[in-house]
Every structure is written in C-alpha cells, then in structure tokens.
C-alpha atoms as a PDB file:
ATOM      1  CA  MET A   1      -3.440  31.205 -31.276  1.00  0.00           C
ATOM      2  CA  SER A   2      -4.037  28.901 -33.448  1.00  0.00           C
ATOM      3  CA  ASP A   3      -1.267  30.439 -35.613  1.00  0.00           C
ATOM      4  CA  ILE A   4       1.023  30.199 -32.657  1.00  0.00           C
ATOM      5  CA  LEU A   5       0.345  26.242 -32.741  1.00  0.00           C
ATOM      6  CA  ALA A   6       0.542  26.003 -36.196  1.00  0.00           C
ATOM      7  CA  LEU A   7       3.737  27.542 -36.591  1.00  0.00           C
ATOM      8  CA  LEU A   8       5.062  25.822 -33.620  1.00  0.00           C
ATOM      9  CA  VAL A   9       4.308  22.815 -35.160  1.00  0.00           C
ATOM     10  CA  SER A  10       5.971  23.815 -38.229  1.00  0.00           C
ATOM     11  CA  GLU A  11       9.234  24.318 -36.784  1.00  0.00           C
ATOM     12  CA  ARG A  12       9.297  20.849 -34.708  1.00  0.00           C
ATOM     13  CA  ASN A  13       8.433  19.244 -37.657  1.00  0.00           C
ATOM     14  CA  LYS A  14      11.735  21.212 -39.304  1.00  0.00           C
ATOM     15  CA  LEU A  15      13.422  19.163 -36.306  1.00  0.00           C
ATOM     16  CA  ASN A  16      12.521  15.998 -36.785  1.00  0.00           C
ATOM     17  CA  ARG A  17      13.495  16.075 -40.357  1.00  0.00           C
ATOM     18  CA  ALA A  18      17.165  18.055 -39.480  1.00  0.00           C
ATOM     19  CA  ILE A  19      17.486  15.232 -36.930  1.00  0.00           C
ATOM     20  CA  GLU A  20      16.703  12.006 -38.807  1.00  0.00           C
ATOM     21  CA  ALA A  21      19.186  13.608 -41.522  1.00  0.00           C
ATOM     22  CA  LEU A  22      21.865  13.967 -38.730  1.00  0.00           C
ATOM     23  CA  GLY A  23      21.689  11.128 -36.808  1.00  0.00           C
ATOM     24  CA  GLY A  24      20.059   7.682 -38.164  1.00  0.00           C
ATOM     25  CA  ASP A  25      19.041   5.355 -35.578  1.00  0.00           C
ATOM     26  CA  LEU A  26      20.333   8.350 -33.103  1.00  0.00           C
ATOM     27  CA  GLY A  27      17.577  10.734 -34.872  1.00  0.00           C
ATOM     28  CA  HIS A  28      14.872   8.314 -34.488  1.00  0.00           C
ATOM     29  CA  ALA A  29      15.297   7.687 -31.281  1.00  0.00           C
ATOM     30  CA  ILE A  30      15.383  11.506 -30.352  1.00  0.00           C
ATOM     31  CA  ILE A  31      12.066  11.611 -32.344  1.00  0.00           C
ATOM     32  CA  ARG A  32      10.341   8.917 -30.099  1.00  0.00           C
ATOM     33  CA  LEU A  33      11.322  10.662 -27.085  1.00  0.00           C
ATOM     34  CA  THR A  34      10.470  13.699 -27.710  1.00  0.00           C
ATOM     35  CA  LYS A  35       7.230  13.148 -29.691  1.00  0.00           C
ATOM     36  CA  VAL A  36       4.275  14.969 -28.273  1.00  0.00           C
ATOM     37  CA  ALA A  37       1.724  12.255 -26.533  1.00  0.00           C
ATOM     38  CA  LYS A  38      -1.186  11.126 -28.617  1.00  0.00           C
ATOM     39  CA  THR A  39      -4.427  10.665 -26.606  1.00  0.00           C
ATOM     40  CA  SER A  40      -6.578   8.038 -26.821  1.00  0.00           C
ATOM     41  CA  PRO A  41     -10.858   8.297 -27.038  1.00  0.00           C
ATOM     42  CA  ARG A  42     -10.089   6.583 -23.439  1.00  0.00           C
ATOM     43  CA  GLY A  43      -8.465   9.280 -21.505  1.00  0.00           C
ATOM     44  CA  GLY A  44      -4.507   8.676 -21.985  1.00  0.00           C
ATOM     45  CA  ARG A  45      -4.649   5.554 -20.460  1.00  0.00           C
ATOM     46  CA  GLN A  46      -1.859   3.458 -21.932  1.00  0.00           C
ATOM     47  CA  THR A  47      -2.067  -0.499 -21.544  1.00  0.00           C
ATOM     48  CA  MET A  48       0.326  -2.603 -19.729  1.00  0.00           C
ATOM     49  CA  SER A  49       1.674  -5.731 -21.377  1.00  0.00           C
ATOM     50  CA  PRO A  50       1.293  -9.111 -20.438  1.00  0.00           C
ATOM     51  CA  GLU A  51       4.354  -9.308 -19.273  1.00  0.00           C
ATOM     52  CA  SER A  52       4.730  -6.497 -17.232  1.00  0.00           C
ATOM     53  CA  ARG A  53       1.369  -7.515 -15.753  1.00  0.00           C
ATOM     54  CA  ALA A  54       2.670 -10.968 -15.254  1.00  0.00           C
ATOM     55  CA  ARG A  55       5.664  -9.565 -13.591  1.00  0.00           C
ATOM     56  CA  ILE A  56       3.388  -7.464 -11.624  1.00  0.00           C
ATOM     57  CA  ALA A  57       1.030 -10.007 -10.115  1.00  0.00           C
ATOM     58  CA  ALA A  58       4.212 -12.353  -9.073  1.00  0.00           C
ATOM     59  CA  ALA A  59       5.714  -9.797  -7.116  1.00  0.00           C
ATOM     60  CA  GLN A  60       2.448  -9.280  -5.162  1.00  0.00           C
ATOM     61  CA  ARG A  61       1.786 -12.872  -4.536  1.00  0.00           C
ATOM     62  CA  VAL A  62       5.129 -12.874  -2.952  1.00  0.00           C
ATOM     63  CA  TRP A  63       4.703  -9.823  -1.051  1.00  0.00           C
ATOM     64  CA  TRP A  64       1.335 -11.442   0.121  1.00  0.00           C
ATOM     65  CA  ALA A  65       2.847 -14.690   0.823  1.00  0.00           C
ATOM     66  CA  LYS A  66       5.924 -13.068   3.254  1.00  0.00           C
ATOM     67  CA  THR A  67       2.926 -10.683   5.104  1.00  0.00           C
ATOM     68  CA  LYS A  68       0.878 -13.752   5.772  1.00  0.00           C
ATOM     69  CA  GLU A  69       3.848 -15.713   6.881  1.00  0.00           C
ATOM     70  CA  GLN A  70       4.614 -12.534   9.175  1.00  0.00           C
ATOM     71  CA  ASN A  71       1.127 -12.398  11.066  1.00  0.00           C
ATOM     72  CA  ALA A  72       1.229 -16.403  11.295  1.00  0.00           C
ATOM     73  CA  LEU A  73       4.327 -15.802  13.303  1.00  0.00           C
ATOM     74  CA  ALA A  74       2.594 -12.707  15.310  1.00  0.00           C
ATOM     75  CA  ALA A  75      -0.071 -14.754  15.860  1.00  0.00           C
ATOM     76  CA  LYS A  76       1.487 -18.032  17.316  1.00  0.00           C
ATOM     77  CA  PRO A  77       0.617 -18.606  21.123  1.00  0.00           C
ATOM     78  CA  GLY A  78       3.678 -18.073  22.734  1.00  0.00           C
ATOM     79  CA  PRO A  79       4.756 -19.975  26.746  1.00  0.00           C
ATOM     80  CA  VAL A  80       0.472 -20.043  28.752  1.00  0.00           C
ATOM     81  CA  VAL A  81       1.091 -18.062  31.881  1.00  0.00           C
ATOM     82  CA  LYS A  82      -1.031 -19.598  34.560  1.00  0.00           C
ATOM     83  CA  LYS A  83      -3.437 -16.927  35.676  1.00  0.00           C
ATOM     84  CA  PHE A  84      -3.221 -16.335  40.164  1.00  0.00           C
ATOM     85  CA  THR A  85      -6.812 -17.647  41.725  1.00  0.00           C
ATOM     86  CA  ILE A  86      -7.524 -16.563  45.080  1.00  0.00           C
ATOM     87  CA  PRO A  87      -7.617 -19.834  47.118  1.00  0.00           C
ATOM     88  CA  SER A  88     -10.958 -21.096  48.457  1.00  0.00           C
ATOM     89  CA  GLN A  89     -10.142 -20.239  52.192  1.00  0.00           C
ATOM     90  CA  ALA A  90      -8.748 -16.683  51.479  1.00  0.00           C
ATOM     91  CA  ARG A  91     -12.197 -15.876  49.132  1.00  0.00           C
ATOM     92  CA  ALA A  92     -14.406 -17.185  52.264  1.00  0.00           C
ATOM     93  CA  LYS A  93     -11.987 -14.475  55.060  1.00  0.00           C
ATOM     94  CA  ILE A  94     -12.353 -11.524  52.463  1.00  0.00           C
ATOM     95  CA  ALA A  95     -16.654 -12.459  52.080  1.00  0.00           C
ATOM     96  CA  ALA A  96     -17.044 -12.813  55.606  1.00  0.00           C
ATOM     97  CA  ALA A  97     -14.971  -9.372  56.724  1.00  0.00           C
ATOM     98  CA  GLN A  98     -17.068  -7.822  53.573  1.00  0.00           C
ATOM     99  CA  LYS A  99     -20.262  -8.464  55.101  1.00  0.00           C
ATOM    100  CA  ALA A 100     -19.468  -7.714  58.900  1.00  0.00           C
ATOM    101  CA  ARG A 101     -18.245  -3.859  57.083  1.00  0.00           C
ATOM    102  CA  TRP A 102     -21.135  -3.578  55.398  1.00  0.00           C
ATOM    103  CA  ALA A 103     -23.097  -4.575  58.646  1.00  0.00           C
ATOM    104  CA  ARG A 104     -21.265  -1.550  60.255  1.00  0.00           C
ATOM    105  CA  VAL A 105     -21.452   0.265  57.566  1.00  0.00           C
ATOM    106  CA  LYS A 106     -25.819  -0.105  57.996  1.00  0.00           C
ATOM    107  CA  ARG A 107     -26.089   0.020  61.567  1.00  0.00           C
ATOM    108  CA  ARG A 108     -23.948   3.606  61.633  1.00  0.00           C
ATOM    109  CA  LYS A 109     -26.996   4.999  59.489  1.00  0.00           C
END
C-alpha cells in the first residue's frame, strides 16, 4: 500500500514540475488548485479571515434587524373590536328561566 502511495506521489511531483515548466503563472495556479489539502493538528479546520468574519457579522445584523422589524409590525394591535355583552335585563331573564327549568327537573325526580 505504501509503495503505491509513494508511486502516486512521485507521479504527482513529476506532473507539477511539468506544469511549472509549461505555464509560469498559470502553472502555479494549477498547482495550487491540485495540491493535496494538509490537515492541521486541529482536525483540518480552516480559519476565517477577519474581513470575512466582519462581512458575515454585518449581514447577520441586517438579517436580525429585518426580522425584528417584521415581528414588531406583526405585533401591532389592529382596530379595537368591542365584545358583545348581554344587557343586564336579558341576563336576569335567562337566569330566572334557568332556575325555573332546574326546579322542574328536580320535581320530576
């Protein structure tokens, strides 16, 4: 297995030298694109540049501002609708009828 890997690495190095000889700047770009990624001791994580972090943070602040604005608009109360209430005379009439009904039910038992 290690023999195969060594053979592949040597072939890659030959190709890189050939590309460098042919291309100059183009050759360097191709080599950068085809290089095997090196893993760092932290498990291959890449760090983000401060400019990238600032750009992402600014975009996130804009997103949150829009979201909060939409939520504020949705929370505004609409027109006040007055609830229907039964007049006190009607309520008394219903209560009297209910008492009479219960009295009839109790008499039947």
